[in-house]
Protein backbone atom coordinates (compact mmCIF):
# COMPACT_ATOMS: atom_id res chain seq x y z
CA MET A 1 31.26 -9.15 -3.43
CA THR A 2 31.47 -8.72 -7.24
CA ALA A 3 29.66 -7.74 -10.13
CA GLN A 4 28.66 -11.26 -10.44
CA THR A 5 26.38 -10.88 -6.45
CA TYR A 6 23.55 -9.05 -4.69
CA ARG A 7 23.18 -7.92 -1.35
CA ALA A 8 20.01 -9.77 0.15
CA ILE A 9 17.70 -9.74 2.97
CA GLN A 10 16.25 -12.84 2.84
CA VAL A 11 13.91 -14.74 5.65
CA SER A 12 15.57 -18.19 5.84
CA ALA A 13 12.87 -19.84 8.53
CA PRO A 14 9.73 -17.73 10.54
CA GLY A 15 10.92 -14.37 11.73
CA LYS A 16 14.44 -14.42 10.78
CA LEU A 17 15.37 -11.67 8.40
CA GLU A 18 19.44 -12.49 7.40
CA LEU A 19 22.01 -10.62 5.26
CA VAL A 20 23.46 -13.23 2.28
CA GLU A 21 24.95 -12.41 -0.98
CA ARG A 22 23.57 -14.76 -3.62
CA THR A 23 24.23 -14.80 -7.81
CA ILE A 24 23.19 -12.59 -10.37
CA THR A 25 21.04 -14.49 -12.90
CA ALA A 26 19.16 -13.19 -15.81
CA PRO A 27 15.43 -12.95 -16.62
CA GLY A 28 13.33 -15.79 -17.73
CA PRO A 29 10.64 -14.75 -21.18
CA GLY A 30 8.23 -12.16 -20.24
CA LYS A 31 10.46 -10.91 -17.05
CA VAL A 32 12.62 -7.71 -16.15
CA ARG A 33 15.86 -7.71 -13.68
CA VAL A 34 15.76 -4.60 -11.42
CA ARG A 35 18.61 -2.90 -10.14
CA ILE A 36 16.57 -1.62 -6.94
CA GLU A 37 17.02 1.59 -4.87
CA ALA A 38 14.57 1.75 -2.22
CA CYS A 39 11.99 -0.70 -0.48
CA GLY A 40 9.83 0.30 1.40
CA VAL A 41 8.87 -2.11 4.46
CA CYS A 42 4.81 -2.62 4.82
CA HIS A 43 2.84 -4.38 7.34
CA SER A 44 1.93 -6.93 4.76
CA ASP A 45 5.38 -7.08 4.71
CA VAL A 46 4.44 -9.69 8.13
CA GLY A 47 2.30 -12.81 6.44
CA THR A 48 5.98 -13.65 4.89
CA VAL A 49 8.35 -12.68 7.68
CA GLU A 50 6.43 -14.30 10.65
CA GLY A 51 4.93 -17.47 8.23
CA ASN A 52 1.36 -17.31 8.49
CA LEU A 53 0.49 -17.60 4.39
CA PRO A 54 -0.38 -21.05 3.55
CA GLY A 55 2.41 -22.68 1.34
CA ILE A 56 5.17 -19.73 1.68
CA THR A 57 8.59 -21.40 1.87
CA TYR A 58 11.43 -20.38 2.17
CA PRO A 59 14.13 -19.00 2.13
CA ARG A 60 12.71 -15.81 0.47
CA VAL A 61 12.79 -12.33 0.02
CA PRO A 62 10.35 -9.93 1.92
CA GLY A 63 9.32 -6.45 -0.04
CA HIS A 64 6.92 -4.97 -2.58
CA GLU A 65 7.52 -1.11 -2.69
CA VAL A 66 9.45 -2.08 -5.09
CA ILE A 67 11.45 0.69 -7.37
CA GLY A 68 14.72 0.69 -9.66
CA LYS A 69 15.84 0.95 -12.71
CA ILE A 70 15.66 -2.08 -15.71
CA GLU A 71 19.11 -3.70 -16.03
CA ALA A 72 18.32 -6.55 -18.22
CA VAL A 73 15.67 -7.91 -20.57
CA GLY A 74 14.21 -11.09 -20.91
CA ASP A 75 12.71 -12.38 -24.28
CA GLY A 76 9.03 -11.11 -25.21
CA VAL A 77 9.46 -8.47 -23.39
CA SER A 78 8.35 -4.63 -25.33
CA GLY A 79 7.50 -1.19 -24.03
CA TRP A 80 10.43 -1.53 -21.38
CA THR A 81 14.02 -0.18 -21.76
CA LEU A 82 17.42 -0.63 -19.75
CA GLY A 83 17.60 2.47 -17.62
CA GLN A 84 14.36 2.97 -17.19
CA ARG A 85 12.78 3.45 -13.77
CA VAL A 86 10.11 0.92 -13.31
CA GLY A 87 8.35 -0.39 -10.16
CA VAL A 88 6.88 -3.37 -8.45
CA GLY A 89 4.23 -3.45 -5.61
CA TYR A 90 2.06 -6.02 -4.23
CA LEU A 91 0.64 -7.67 -6.89
CA GLY A 92 3.40 -8.81 -8.87
CA GLY A 93 1.31 -10.43 -12.39
CA TRP A 94 -1.43 -11.24 -13.49
CA CYS A 95 -1.17 -14.77 -14.90
CA GLY A 96 -4.31 -13.86 -18.48
CA ARG A 97 -6.00 -17.46 -17.97
CA CYS A 98 -7.80 -17.47 -15.25
CA THR A 99 -12.17 -16.17 -14.66
CA PRO A 100 -11.23 -13.10 -13.57
CA CYS A 101 -8.54 -12.15 -15.81
CA ARG A 102 -10.31 -12.99 -18.91
CA ARG A 103 -12.63 -10.75 -17.14
CA GLY A 104 -10.16 -8.08 -17.10
CA ASP A 105 -9.93 -7.58 -13.28
CA PHE A 106 -6.35 -8.25 -13.01
CA VAL A 107 -6.21 -7.22 -9.28
CA ASN A 108 -8.41 -10.73 -8.44
CA CYS A 109 -6.63 -13.15 -10.36
CA GLN A 110 -6.64 -16.87 -8.96
CA ASN A 111 -2.96 -16.79 -9.84
CA GLN A 112 -1.68 -13.62 -9.38
CA ALA A 113 1.87 -13.09 -8.64
CA VAL A 114 2.73 -11.45 -5.13
CA THR A 115 5.85 -9.55 -4.63
CA GLY A 116 7.93 -11.14 -1.49
CA VAL A 117 5.44 -13.75 -0.85
CA THR A 118 5.31 -16.19 -4.43
CA TYR A 119 8.97 -15.05 -5.71
CA ASP A 120 11.18 -12.97 -4.01
CA GLY A 121 10.59 -9.16 -3.28
CA GLY A 122 12.69 -6.16 -2.68
CA TYR A 123 14.92 -6.00 0.12
CA ALA A 124 17.72 -6.80 -1.66
CA GLU A 125 20.27 -4.30 -4.47
CA VAL A 126 18.60 -6.80 -7.49
CA MET A 127 14.72 -8.78 -7.82
CA ILE A 128 13.58 -10.21 -10.97
CA ALA A 129 10.10 -8.78 -11.38
CA GLU A 130 7.56 -9.96 -13.99
CA GLU A 131 6.78 -7.30 -17.24
CA ARG A 132 2.81 -7.08 -16.03
CA GLY A 133 4.29 -6.06 -12.97
CA LEU A 134 5.54 -3.04 -13.58
CA ALA A 135 4.80 0.40 -13.19
CA ALA A 136 6.40 3.77 -14.47
CA VAL A 137 7.94 5.20 -12.18
CA PRO A 138 8.06 9.97 -13.27
CA ASP A 139 11.45 11.44 -13.09
CA ASP A 140 9.51 14.31 -10.35
CA LEU A 141 9.63 11.09 -7.29
CA ALA A 142 13.01 10.52 -5.42
CA ALA A 143 13.11 6.71 -4.63
CA ALA A 144 12.37 6.48 -1.58
CA VAL A 145 9.22 8.45 -2.04
CA ALA A 146 8.34 6.83 -4.64
CA ALA A 147 8.50 3.60 -2.66
CA PRO A 148 5.19 3.81 -0.62
CA LEU A 149 3.37 4.82 -3.13
CA VAL A 150 3.65 1.83 -5.39
CA CYS A 151 1.09 0.03 -1.78
CA ALA A 152 0.04 2.23 0.77
CA GLY A 153 -0.40 5.35 -1.93
CA LEU A 154 -1.81 2.81 -3.73
CA THR A 155 -4.38 0.92 -1.95
CA THR A 156 -5.71 4.36 -0.52
CA TYR A 157 -5.23 6.24 -4.15
CA ASN A 158 -7.24 3.45 -6.16
CA ALA A 159 -9.98 3.17 -3.10
CA LEU A 160 -11.29 6.31 -3.56
CA ARG A 161 -11.37 7.22 -7.38
CA ASN A 162 -13.35 4.11 -7.25
CA SER A 163 -15.66 5.70 -4.32
CA PRO A 164 -19.53 6.22 -5.36
CA ALA A 165 -17.51 10.00 -3.50
CA ARG A 166 -17.61 12.49 -6.14
CA PRO A 167 -15.82 16.79 -5.55
CA GLY A 168 -17.25 18.69 -2.64
CA ASP A 169 -19.21 15.26 -0.75
CA LEU A 170 -17.69 14.49 2.89
CA VAL A 171 -15.31 11.60 2.91
CA ALA A 172 -13.55 10.61 6.28
CA ILE A 173 -10.47 9.21 6.65
CA GLN A 174 -10.92 6.52 9.89
CA GLY A 175 -6.57 6.58 11.05
CA ILE A 176 -3.78 8.39 10.59
CA GLY A 177 -1.00 6.28 10.17
CA GLY A 178 0.79 4.43 7.53
CA LEU A 179 -1.98 4.35 4.97
CA GLY A 180 -3.92 7.19 6.41
CA HIS A 181 -1.96 10.03 6.53
CA LEU A 182 -2.04 9.17 2.36
CA GLY A 183 -6.01 8.97 2.28
CA VAL A 184 -6.07 12.26 3.53
CA GLN A 185 -4.14 14.09 1.29
CA PHE A 186 -5.63 11.96 -1.68
CA ALA A 187 -8.98 12.95 -0.37
CA ARG A 188 -8.34 16.10 0.20
CA GLY A 189 -6.65 15.90 -2.94
CA MET A 190 -9.21 14.38 -5.33
CA GLY A 191 -11.47 18.11 -4.20
CA PHE A 192 -14.17 15.42 -1.09
CA HIS A 193 -15.22 17.96 2.11
CA VAL A 194 -12.05 15.88 3.88
CA VAL A 195 -12.76 14.59 8.07
CA ALA A 196 -9.91 12.82 10.11
CA ILE A 197 -10.35 9.73 12.29
CA GLY A 198 -7.43 9.78 14.84
CA ARG A 199 -6.54 8.58 18.28
CA GLY A 200 -5.57 11.43 20.60
CA THR A 201 -5.47 14.96 20.17
CA ASP A 202 -1.32 15.43 19.29
CA LYS A 203 -3.28 14.25 15.21
CA ALA A 204 -5.01 17.54 15.03
CA SER A 205 -2.39 20.01 13.95
CA LEU A 206 -1.10 17.09 11.50
CA ALA A 207 -4.22 16.18 9.93
CA GLU A 208 -4.56 20.01 9.02
CA GLN A 209 -1.46 19.85 7.54
CA LEU A 210 -2.00 17.06 5.67
CA GLY A 211 -5.08 19.00 4.30
CA ALA A 212 -7.93 18.24 5.83
CA HIS A 213 -11.00 20.24 7.06
CA HIS A 214 -12.08 18.61 10.21
CA TYR A 215 -10.00 16.29 12.61
CA ILE A 216 -12.08 14.26 15.35
CA ASP A 217 -10.60 13.30 17.75
CA SER A 218 -12.22 9.26 18.31
CA GLN A 219 -10.69 9.69 22.29
CA THR A 220 -12.66 12.56 23.34
CA GLU A 221 -15.89 12.94 21.21
CA ASP A 222 -17.82 10.10 19.45
CA PRO A 223 -17.16 9.68 15.92
CA VAL A 224 -20.53 8.89 14.74
CA VAL A 225 -21.82 11.89 16.36
CA ALA A 226 -19.11 13.95 14.59
CA LEU A 227 -19.74 13.09 11.38
CA GLN A 228 -23.72 13.22 11.05
CA ALA A 229 -22.61 17.13 12.62
CA LEU A 230 -21.74 17.18 9.57
CA GLY A 231 -23.86 15.62 7.51
CA GLY A 232 -23.05 12.05 7.09
CA ALA A 233 -20.34 10.68 5.28
CA ILE A 234 -20.36 9.63 1.86
CA VAL A 235 -17.84 7.39 2.50
CA ILE A 236 -15.22 6.27 5.53
CA LEU A 237 -12.25 5.07 3.90
CA ALA A 238 -11.13 2.60 7.21
CA THR A 239 -7.45 2.83 7.30
CA ALA A 240 -6.37 1.64 11.41
CA SER A 241 -6.22 -2.41 11.82
CA SER A 242 -8.44 -2.35 13.66
CA SER A 243 -12.29 -3.55 13.53
CA LYS A 244 -13.22 -2.59 16.92
CA SER A 245 -12.83 0.99 15.72
CA MET A 246 -14.51 0.06 12.52
CA SER A 247 -17.17 -1.66 13.78
CA PRO A 248 -19.69 1.58 14.41
CA LEU A 249 -18.72 3.73 12.14
CA ILE A 250 -21.19 2.76 9.52
CA GLY A 251 -24.21 5.12 11.96
CA GLY A 252 -21.65 7.98 10.80
CA LEU A 253 -22.01 6.98 6.32
CA ALA A 254 -25.19 9.16 5.00
CA PRO A 255 -27.43 7.58 3.43
CA ARG A 256 -26.39 5.31 0.70
CA GLY A 257 -23.09 6.06 2.05
CA ARG A 258 -19.41 2.87 1.96
CA LEU A 259 -17.84 2.18 4.31
CA ILE A 260 -14.65 1.05 2.38
CA VAL A 261 -11.61 -1.01 4.27
CA VAL A 262 -8.57 -1.22 3.30
CA GLY A 263 -6.73 -2.04 6.73
CA VAL A 264 -6.79 -5.74 7.84
CA ASP A 265 -7.15 -6.71 11.83
CA GLY A 266 -6.75 -10.63 11.18
CA ALA A 267 -7.75 -11.09 14.20
CA HIS A 268 -11.04 -9.71 14.70
CA PRO A 269 -14.20 -9.75 13.26
CA ILE A 270 -15.83 -6.32 11.97
CA GLU A 271 -19.36 -5.84 13.60
CA VAL A 272 -22.12 -4.33 12.54
CA SER A 273 -25.94 -4.23 12.40
CA PRO A 274 -28.01 -5.16 9.99
CA VAL A 275 -30.63 -2.16 10.82
CA GLN A 276 -27.37 0.61 10.09
CA LEU A 277 -27.50 -1.09 6.79
CA VAL A 278 -30.91 -1.37 5.32
CA PHE A 279 -32.51 1.02 6.80
CA GLY A 280 -30.06 3.92 4.62
CA THR A 281 -29.09 1.36 2.40
CA ARG A 282 -25.26 1.39 3.21
CA SER A 283 -22.66 -0.31 2.94
CA MET A 284 -19.33 -2.16 3.85
CA GLU A 285 -16.39 -3.03 0.88
CA GLY A 286 -12.96 -4.12 1.08
CA ALA A 287 -10.72 -2.28 -1.39
CA LEU A 288 -7.17 -4.81 -2.46
CA THR A 289 -4.70 -2.27 -3.77
CA GLY A 290 -4.28 -2.06 -7.65
CA SER A 291 -3.15 -3.26 -11.09
CA ALA A 292 0.44 -1.77 -12.14
CA ILE A 293 -1.06 0.83 -14.24
CA ASP A 294 -3.33 1.55 -11.61
CA SER A 295 0.13 1.94 -9.67
CA GLU A 296 1.67 4.92 -12.39
CA ASP A 297 -2.02 6.27 -12.05
CA THR A 298 -1.17 6.51 -7.78
CA LEU A 299 2.62 8.41 -9.06
CA VAL A 300 0.64 10.79 -11.42
CA PHE A 301 -1.58 11.75 -9.46
CA SER A 302 0.91 12.76 -6.75
CA VAL A 303 3.01 14.51 -9.01
CA LEU A 304 0.68 16.92 -9.83
CA GLU A 305 -0.76 17.27 -5.95
CA ASN A 306 2.17 17.28 -4.64
CA ILE A 307 1.56 14.30 -2.41
CA ARG A 308 3.85 13.03 -0.27
CA PRO A 309 4.20 9.84 1.94
CA MET A 310 6.30 10.52 5.10
CA ILE A 311 8.78 8.64 5.35
CA GLU A 312 11.94 7.47 7.93
CA THR A 313 14.60 5.80 5.20
CA LEU A 314 17.71 3.69 7.33
CA PRO A 315 20.75 1.57 5.05
CA LEU A 316 19.48 -2.06 3.15
CA GLU A 317 21.38 -3.75 5.49
CA ARG A 318 19.38 -2.85 9.04
CA ALA A 319 15.56 -4.30 7.01
CA ALA A 320 15.16 -6.10 10.33
CA GLU A 321 15.16 -2.71 13.00
CA ALA A 322 13.48 -0.98 10.19
CA TYR A 323 11.05 -4.42 9.79
CA GLY A 324 10.58 -3.58 14.63
CA ARG A 325 10.17 -0.18 13.80
CA MET A 326 7.49 -0.92 11.60
CA LEU A 327 6.24 -3.65 13.37
CA ARG A 328 5.95 -1.50 16.40
CA GLY A 329 4.01 1.57 15.15
CA GLU A 330 6.99 3.37 15.92
CA ALA A 331 7.39 4.41 11.61
CA ARG A 332 6.67 8.53 11.31
CA PHE A 333 4.87 6.83 9.60
CA ARG A 334 6.75 4.88 6.51
CA MET A 335 10.28 2.94 6.82
CA VAL A 336 12.33 2.77 3.82
CA LEU A 337 15.30 0.59 2.86
CA VAL A 338 17.97 1.84 0.30
CA THR A 339 20.45 1.16 -1.16
CA GLY A 340 22.08 3.46 -1.75
CA GLN A 341 22.19 3.02 -5.70
């Protein structure tokens, strides 16, 4: 490998990850070139790796939990400097022209650049990123630690801070995994009365360490009954990718409570009785990650409240192994690829 090339893990066909060497290119207008230090492995990468996203083309480099340093800037880029630490999440840059963008709803941009999907992502040593998709990374966070925060962290932090819950309110986090272990920490940091819902007694001590005031083992007790015994949750953040486990949770909400879904089960619907929604004025909604400035807020809050993801790291060339561990649910709790930079 020379100074004019870099290593990348690309998907050449559905299910096939391969290590390749690519030529370094200059960033175009409004873009920067990032020298990657770490990239998290997220379950959303399945869409790129397995080819189940409409319109996905190959070869494509997956990865959207990217942390690195700017090493080149394109024409028209302002406010970002060479050597600056940046993060790039799933939403890689809005168009600024569609109706949602014109209304300031950048998350729902209809022409969103999606990192690792519509353009090459972070399973690499170098990537070209949109200026609009960049988030500044505090010096207090190591690259491998910061990587999951620009996706899993952002998703849970943004959902909770934009929820109707206020400090002191009962908030439940369903699932103690890649998303949930961060959700519990953010909920505690925001001053909520935190309930963690998991499967098995082995998660109880971990939930307490993460900051939960109560732990509900869904294998031995009914979460709905347990939540109502505590007064009912103002918010339940559903992080586990299981519609079956989410469906009953509406009953655990207090009047005007809200079930917020961030874990995606693409195979099964969530089943809810209209009676549960109408009588009690309860609601259910989804939350889609956040914009680049939301990523910055997540990172800063994580430093302020000493919130950190639990990670396992592997070198870039072992990306297939890291992806496999994530897919099988063996990671505790986020896999991160590091480049050695």
